[in-house]
Amino acid sequence: MWAEVGHPGRVRMGSPPAVSPSARSWVGQSPGARAALLWALAAALQRRESTLASRLERHGVELQVAKAEVELSVRRLRAWGA
């Protein structure tokens, strides 16, 4: 017995959104430059860890969870830059 299964198709809704100048700039960077930017961002987050965690805490996040979130963000940025 055979059955026909539909395949999901793409839905076009108007024209595709324009690529932002920031995205074009990012793609135009060499892999080494992108890695350096990610590592610099990680370092900046790490320097401001207590400030960022405090801001998250003001928005209802427990302080320990907020600190863990900032540290996780730093680790992810470094991993993506590796």
Protein backbone atom coordinates (compact mmCIF):
# COMPACT_ATOMS: atom_id res chain seq x y z
CA MET A 1 0.00 0.00 0.00
CA TRP A 2 1.35 3.40 -0.97
CA ALA A 3 0.47 6.72 0.54
CA GLU A 4 1.17 10.20 -0.71
CA VAL A 5 2.83 12.45 1.82
CA GLY A 6 2.77 16.17 1.27
CA HIS A 7 6.01 18.07 1.35
CA PRO A 8 6.12 21.39 3.13
CA GLY A 9 6.73 24.23 0.73
CA ARG A 10 8.13 27.65 1.17
CA VAL A 11 5.72 30.47 1.55
CA ARG A 12 6.74 33.71 -0.09
CA MET A 13 5.51 36.77 1.68
CA GLY A 14 6.51 39.83 -0.27
CA SER A 15 10.09 40.62 -1.05
CA PRO A 16 12.91 39.37 1.18
CA PRO A 17 14.13 41.83 3.81
CA ALA A 18 17.16 43.89 2.91
CA VAL A 19 20.46 42.84 4.40
CA SER A 20 21.59 45.35 6.98
CA PRO A 21 24.88 47.20 6.46
CA SER A 22 26.14 45.60 9.69
CA ALA A 23 25.59 42.11 8.28
CA ARG A 24 27.42 43.04 5.07
CA SER A 25 30.30 44.42 7.11
CA TRP A 26 30.47 41.26 9.25
CA VAL A 27 30.50 38.95 6.23
CA GLY A 28 33.22 41.09 4.64
CA GLN A 29 35.58 40.56 7.59
CA SER A 30 38.19 37.84 7.49
CA PRO A 31 37.61 34.86 9.80
CA GLY A 32 40.50 36.05 11.98
CA ALA A 33 39.00 39.51 12.30
CA ARG A 34 35.60 38.06 13.22
CA ALA A 35 37.24 35.84 15.84
CA ALA A 36 39.09 38.83 17.30
CA LEU A 37 35.83 40.79 17.51
CA LEU A 38 34.07 37.91 19.29
CA TRP A 39 36.94 37.59 21.76
CA ALA A 40 36.91 41.36 22.38
CA LEU A 41 33.18 41.24 23.03
CA ALA A 42 33.68 38.35 25.45
CA ALA A 43 36.36 40.33 27.31
CA ALA A 44 34.08 43.37 27.51
CA LEU A 45 31.25 41.26 28.93
CA GLN A 46 33.60 39.69 31.44
CA ARG A 47 34.85 43.11 32.60
CA ARG A 48 31.23 44.23 33.16
CA GLU A 49 29.99 40.93 34.60
CA SER A 50 28.85 42.36 37.94
CA THR A 51 27.06 45.31 36.30
CA LEU A 52 25.30 43.09 33.77
CA ALA A 53 24.31 40.57 36.44
CA SER A 54 22.91 43.40 38.59
CA ARG A 55 20.83 44.66 35.68
CA LEU A 56 19.43 41.20 35.09
CA GLU A 57 18.66 40.94 38.79
CA ARG A 58 16.65 44.18 38.61
CA HIS A 59 14.56 42.49 35.93
CA GLY A 60 13.68 39.61 38.23
CA VAL A 61 16.50 37.15 37.59
CA GLU A 62 18.16 35.66 40.68
CA LEU A 63 21.71 37.00 41.11
CA GLN A 64 23.38 33.58 40.87
CA VAL A 65 21.41 32.77 37.70
CA ALA A 66 22.28 36.18 36.25
CA LYS A 67 25.99 35.67 36.92
CA ALA A 68 25.83 32.23 35.35
CA GLU A 69 24.10 33.68 32.28
CA VAL A 70 26.79 36.31 31.80
CA GLU A 71 29.53 33.71 32.22
CA LEU A 72 27.79 31.40 29.74
CA SER A 73 27.63 34.26 27.24
CA VAL A 74 31.37 34.88 27.67
CA ARG A 75 32.14 31.17 27.14
CA ARG A 76 29.92 30.99 24.05
CA LEU A 77 31.51 34.06 22.48
CA ARG A 78 34.97 32.58 23.06
CA ALA A 79 33.90 29.24 21.61
CA TRP A 80 32.44 30.92 18.53
CA GLY A 81 35.65 32.89 18.14
CA ALA A 82 37.83 29.79 18.38
